[in-house]
N, C-alpha and C. Protein backbone atom coordinates (compact mmCIF):
# COMPACT_ATOMS: atom_id res chain seq x y z
N MET A 1 0.68 -1.24 0.10
CA MET A 1 0.04 -0.03 0.01
C MET A 1 1.23 1.07 0.11
N ALA A 2 2.17 1.27 0.46
CA ALA A 2 2.99 2.19 0.35
C ALA A 2 3.20 2.78 -1.04
N ARG A 3 3.40 1.93 -1.99
CA ARG A 3 3.24 2.54 -3.38
C ARG A 3 1.92 3.20 -3.90
N ALA A 4 0.94 2.53 -3.52
CA ALA A 4 -0.59 3.51 -3.56
C ALA A 4 -0.34 4.72 -3.26
N THR A 5 -0.01 4.95 -1.86
CA THR A 5 -0.24 6.09 -1.44
C THR A 5 0.87 7.09 -1.59
N GLY A 6 2.21 6.63 -2.42
CA GLY A 6 3.09 7.95 -3.11
C GLY A 6 2.09 7.86 -4.64
N LEU A 7 1.41 6.93 -4.74
CA LEU A 7 0.67 7.33 -6.22
C LEU A 7 -0.02 8.72 -5.91
N HIS A 8 -0.94 8.63 -4.85
CA HIS A 8 -1.99 9.70 -4.77
C HIS A 8 -1.43 11.12 -4.42
N GLU A 9 -0.06 10.90 -3.60
CA GLU A 9 0.52 12.24 -3.61
C GLU A 9 1.10 12.97 -4.82
N GLU A 10 1.50 11.85 -5.91
CA GLU A 10 1.92 12.71 -6.80
C GLU A 10 0.67 13.08 -8.03
N LEU A 11 -0.44 12.40 -7.53
CA LEU A 11 -1.71 12.90 -8.33
C LEU A 11 -2.16 14.14 -7.75
N ASP A 12 -1.86 14.12 -6.39
CA ASP A 12 -2.55 15.39 -5.71
C ASP A 12 -1.25 16.33 -5.96
N ILE A 13 -0.34 16.37 -6.40
CA ILE A 13 0.83 17.37 -6.80
C ILE A 13 0.06 17.86 -7.98
N LEU A 14 -0.05 16.75 -9.20
CA LEU A 14 -0.06 17.25 -10.04
C LEU A 14 -1.39 17.98 -10.41
N ARG A 15 -2.45 17.59 -9.50
CA ARG A 15 -3.62 18.73 -9.69
C ARG A 15 -3.44 19.95 -9.02
N ALA A 16 -2.67 20.06 -8.04
CA ALA A 16 -1.98 21.18 -7.51
C ALA A 16 -1.45 22.42 -8.56
N GLU A 17 -0.59 21.29 -9.78
CA GLU A 17 0.15 22.30 -10.58
C GLU A 17 -0.90 22.45 -11.35
N LEU A 18 -1.98 21.85 -12.08
CA LEU A 18 -3.13 21.96 -12.85
C LEU A 18 -3.65 23.44 -12.37
N GLY A 19 -3.86 23.70 -11.17
CA GLY A 19 -4.49 24.51 -10.56
C GLY A 19 -4.12 25.91 -10.88
N ARG A 20 -2.58 26.15 -10.83
CA ARG A 20 -2.00 27.01 -11.10
C ARG A 20 -1.84 27.55 -12.28
N THR A 21 -2.39 27.29 -12.97
CA THR A 21 -2.16 27.00 -14.57
C THR A 21 -3.15 28.42 -15.13
N ASP A 22 -2.77 29.46 -15.53
CA ASP A 22 -3.36 30.37 -16.38
C ASP A 22 -4.43 29.96 -17.17
N ALA A 23 -5.23 31.01 -18.47
CA ALA A 23 -5.95 30.65 -18.79
C ALA A 23 -5.43 30.19 -20.06
N LYS A 24 -4.30 30.53 -20.72
CA LYS A 24 -3.70 29.78 -21.87
C LYS A 24 -2.94 28.73 -21.60
N GLY A 25 -3.25 28.12 -20.34
CA GLY A 25 -2.36 26.51 -20.31
C GLY A 25 -0.80 26.54 -19.85
N ARG A 26 -0.30 28.07 -19.68
CA ARG A 26 0.55 28.22 -19.01
C ARG A 26 0.94 27.97 -17.64
N SER A 27 1.89 27.51 -17.36
CA SER A 27 2.07 27.73 -15.60
C SER A 27 2.36 28.79 -15.26
N SER A 28 1.89 29.26 -14.22
CA SER A 28 2.35 30.65 -13.58
C SER A 28 3.41 30.96 -12.96
N ARG A 29 3.85 29.83 -12.87
CA ARG A 29 5.52 29.76 -12.56
C ARG A 29 6.50 30.10 -13.93
N ALA A 30 5.84 29.53 -15.01
CA ALA A 30 6.84 29.84 -16.02
C ALA A 30 7.22 31.09 -16.29
N GLU A 31 8.46 31.58 -16.81
CA GLU A 31 9.30 32.71 -17.41
C GLU A 31 8.24 33.53 -18.68
N PRO A 32 8.38 34.41 -18.55
CA PRO A 32 7.58 35.09 -19.71
C PRO A 32 7.89 34.75 -21.33
N ALA A 33 7.44 34.62 -21.97
CA ALA A 33 8.01 34.28 -23.43
C ALA A 33 8.99 35.46 -23.76
N SER A 34 9.90 34.51 -24.35
CA SER A 34 11.19 35.55 -25.23
C SER A 34 10.65 36.24 -26.66
N PRO A 35 10.74 37.15 -27.17
CA PRO A 35 11.28 37.54 -28.13
C PRO A 35 11.27 36.38 -29.07
N LYS A 36 12.40 35.84 -29.16
CA LYS A 36 12.92 34.57 -29.84
C LYS A 36 11.65 33.64 -30.29
N ASP A 37 10.77 33.33 -29.08
CA ASP A 37 9.78 32.84 -28.99
C ASP A 37 8.46 32.91 -29.29
N GLU A 38 7.88 34.10 -29.29
CA GLU A 38 7.32 35.01 -30.12
C GLU A 38 7.50 35.03 -31.28
N ALA A 39 8.84 35.05 -32.06
CA ALA A 39 8.88 35.27 -33.22
C ALA A 39 8.65 33.47 -34.00
N GLN A 40 8.97 32.64 -33.35
CA GLN A 40 8.91 31.25 -33.79
C GLN A 40 7.29 30.87 -33.92
N GLY A 41 6.37 31.52 -32.85
CA GLY A 41 5.02 31.53 -32.89
C GLY A 41 4.22 32.22 -33.83
N ALA A 42 5.04 32.96 -34.39
CA ALA A 42 3.98 33.79 -35.54
C ALA A 42 3.78 32.63 -37.21
N PRO A 43 4.74 32.18 -37.26
CA PRO A 43 4.63 31.44 -38.60
C PRO A 43 3.44 30.62 -38.17
N ALA A 44 3.27 29.83 -36.99
CA ALA A 44 2.43 29.43 -36.51
C ALA A 44 0.47 30.04 -36.66
N ALA A 45 0.67 31.27 -36.23
CA ALA A 45 -0.42 32.13 -36.22
C ALA A 45 -0.78 32.10 -37.70
N ASP A 46 0.26 32.73 -38.36
CA ASP A 46 -0.08 32.65 -39.90
C ASP A 46 -0.43 31.24 -40.63
N ALA A 47 -0.24 30.21 -40.42
CA ALA A 47 -0.77 29.05 -40.59
C ALA A 47 -2.07 29.01 -40.31
N ALA A 48 -2.31 29.33 -39.05
CA ALA A 48 -3.53 29.14 -38.96
C ALA A 48 -4.75 30.07 -39.51
N ALA A 49 -4.22 31.10 -39.48
CA ALA A 49 -5.00 31.83 -40.34
C ALA A 49 -4.89 31.64 -41.93
N ASP A 50 -4.43 31.42 -42.57
CA ASP A 50 -4.55 30.96 -43.94
C ASP A 50 -5.35 29.52 -43.95
N LEU A 51 -5.41 28.53 -42.96
CA LEU A 51 -6.22 27.56 -43.00
C LEU A 51 -7.50 27.83 -42.69
N GLU A 52 -7.75 28.70 -42.11
CA GLU A 52 -9.12 29.34 -41.56
C GLU A 52 -9.86 30.01 -42.77
N GLU A 53 -8.99 30.50 -43.78
CA GLU A 53 -9.32 31.35 -44.85
C GLU A 53 -9.41 30.28 -45.84
N GLN A 54 -8.99 29.59 -46.05
CA GLN A 54 -9.02 28.24 -47.02
C GLN A 54 -10.51 27.80 -46.88
N PHE A 55 -10.38 27.62 -45.35
CA PHE A 55 -12.03 26.63 -45.14
C PHE A 55 -12.77 27.36 -45.29
N GLY A 56 -13.05 28.95 -45.05
CA GLY A 56 -14.04 29.84 -45.56
C GLY A 56 -14.39 29.65 -47.37
N GLU A 57 -13.56 29.38 -47.76
CA GLU A 57 -13.45 29.25 -49.26
C GLU A 57 -13.68 28.28 -49.86
N LEU A 58 -13.74 27.18 -48.89
CA LEU A 58 -14.16 25.67 -49.29
C LEU A 58 -15.66 25.69 -49.02
N GLY A 59 -15.85 26.41 -48.04
CA GLY A 59 -17.36 26.52 -47.42
C GLY A 59 -18.32 26.91 -48.80
N LYS A 60 -17.85 28.47 -49.10
CA LYS A 60 -18.76 29.38 -50.34
C LYS A 60 -18.44 28.11 -51.40
N ILE A 61 -17.65 27.53 -51.69
CA ILE A 61 -17.26 26.68 -52.77
C ILE A 61 -18.55 25.96 -52.95
N LEU A 62 -18.74 25.09 -51.77
CA LEU A 62 -19.70 23.64 -51.42
C LEU A 62 -21.01 24.32 -51.49
N SER A 63 -21.02 25.63 -50.78
CA SER A 63 -22.57 25.88 -50.77
C SER A 63 -23.08 26.34 -51.94
N GLU A 64 -21.89 26.55 -53.16
CA GLU A 64 -22.73 26.99 -54.19
C GLU A 64 -22.93 25.67 -55.14
N HIS A 65 -22.33 24.52 -54.79
CA HIS A 65 -22.55 23.28 -55.56
C HIS A 65 -23.85 22.87 -54.93
N THR A 66 -23.83 23.01 -53.76
CA THR A 66 -25.20 22.25 -53.43
C THR A 66 -26.55 23.08 -54.14
N GLY A 67 -26.52 24.33 -54.19
CA GLY A 67 -27.76 24.49 -55.33
C GLY A 67 -27.66 23.62 -56.82
N GLY A 68 -26.94 23.62 -57.11
CA GLY A 68 -27.21 22.97 -58.11
C GLY A 68 -27.62 21.17 -58.31
N VAL A 69 -26.95 20.88 -56.90
CA VAL A 69 -27.65 19.41 -56.49
C VAL A 69 -29.26 19.63 -56.28
N ASP A 70 -29.41 20.41 -55.27
CA ASP A 70 -30.88 20.71 -55.19
C ASP A 70 -31.47 20.84 -56.07
N ASP A 71 -31.35 21.44 -57.40
CA ASP A 71 -31.94 21.61 -58.61
C ASP A 71 -32.02 20.29 -59.27
N PHE A 72 -30.75 19.46 -59.25
CA PHE A 72 -31.14 17.94 -59.91
C PHE A 72 -31.87 17.37 -59.27
N VAL A 73 -31.98 17.13 -58.04
CA VAL A 73 -32.78 16.50 -57.36
C VAL A 73 -34.66 16.92 -57.65
N LYS A 74 -34.58 18.18 -57.53
CA LYS A 74 -36.14 18.46 -57.83
C LYS A 74 -36.85 18.22 -59.34
N GLU A 75 -35.37 18.08 -60.37
CA GLU A 75 -35.92 17.78 -61.95
C GLU A 75 -35.76 16.54 -62.06
N HIS A 76 -35.30 15.51 -61.23
CA HIS A 76 -35.30 14.17 -61.38
C HIS A 76 -35.19 13.55 -60.19
N PRO A 77 -36.38 13.21 -59.45
CA PRO A 77 -36.37 12.73 -57.99
C PRO A 77 -36.20 11.37 -58.35
N LEU A 78 -36.77 10.62 -59.26
CA LEU A 78 -36.63 9.09 -59.20
C LEU A 78 -35.22 8.96 -59.42
N VAL A 79 -34.37 9.36 -60.66
CA VAL A 79 -32.99 9.24 -60.65
C VAL A 79 -32.31 9.08 -59.06
N SER A 80 -32.67 10.67 -58.63
CA SER A 80 -31.85 10.95 -57.44
C SER A 80 -32.01 9.94 -56.36
N VAL A 81 -33.27 9.09 -56.24
CA VAL A 81 -33.68 7.92 -55.16
C VAL A 81 -32.57 6.99 -55.64
N LEU A 82 -32.93 6.43 -57.02
CA LEU A 82 -32.48 5.25 -57.31
C LEU A 82 -30.35 5.19 -57.09
N ALA A 83 -29.68 6.43 -57.12
CA ALA A 83 -28.71 6.76 -57.44
C ALA A 83 -28.57 6.84 -55.85
N ALA A 84 -29.33 7.35 -54.87
CA ALA A 84 -28.87 7.12 -53.26
C ALA A 84 -29.11 5.82 -52.84
N PHE A 85 -30.00 5.01 -53.52
CA PHE A 85 -29.99 3.56 -53.07
C PHE A 85 -29.15 2.82 -53.54
N ALA A 86 -28.30 2.87 -54.81
CA ALA A 86 -27.30 2.33 -55.28
C ALA A 86 -26.08 2.00 -54.48
N LEU A 87 -25.77 3.73 -54.02
CA LEU A 87 -24.71 4.21 -53.30
C LEU A 87 -24.62 3.60 -52.04
N GLY A 88 -26.00 3.57 -51.26
CA GLY A 88 -26.17 2.82 -49.87
C GLY A 88 -25.94 1.11 -50.43
N ILE A 89 -26.40 0.51 -51.28
CA ILE A 89 -25.89 -0.78 -51.40
C ILE A 89 -24.19 -0.90 -51.62
N ALA A 90 -23.74 -0.05 -52.54
CA ALA A 90 -22.47 -0.09 -52.67
C ALA A 90 -21.22 0.03 -51.17
N VAL A 91 -22.02 0.72 -50.43
CA VAL A 91 -21.38 1.24 -49.05
C VAL A 91 -21.35 0.13 -48.48
N GLY A 92 -22.39 -0.64 -48.17
CA GLY A 92 -22.66 -1.73 -47.61
C GLY A 92 -21.84 -3.11 -48.08
N ARG A 93 -21.65 -3.09 -49.26
CA ARG A 93 -20.92 -4.37 -49.32
C ARG A 93 -19.40 -3.80 -49.25
N LEU A 94 -19.09 -2.77 -49.37
CA LEU A 94 -17.66 -2.65 -49.10
C LEU A 94 -17.40 -2.60 -47.55
N MET A 95 -18.50 -2.35 -47.00
CA MET A 95 -18.20 -2.23 -45.24
C MET A 95 -18.33 -3.85 -45.04
N GLY A 96 -18.62 -4.76 -45.75
CA GLY A 96 -18.47 -6.02 -45.36
C GLY A 96 -19.29 -6.65 -44.30
N ARG A 97 -20.97 -6.22 -44.07
CA ARG A 97 -21.89 -6.51 -43.38
C ARG A 97 -21.63 -8.20 -43.63
N SER A 98 -22.16 -8.80 -41.88
CA SER A 98 -22.05 -10.40 -42.15
C SER A 98 -23.41 -10.47 -41.95
């Protein structure tokens, strides 16, 4: 049981350290970021902004194509239902249901 008590003590220490972290996830005991660290973080921020912009463009393109699909389904409802049925059968076979 001595080993279990040590484990509980370590968990209590870890919980205390978690309680001392600020909202950004950094420890309150940590030193402030140096300019060098901030410069290294800038490319990551730029990449995140680029990724967000690309997702926005993708959303616009997909929403434009959705209108075309809606029109096709309205014009050809039977073909659309049969295509969905065939796709369901194909996916079911690929998944290999027993």
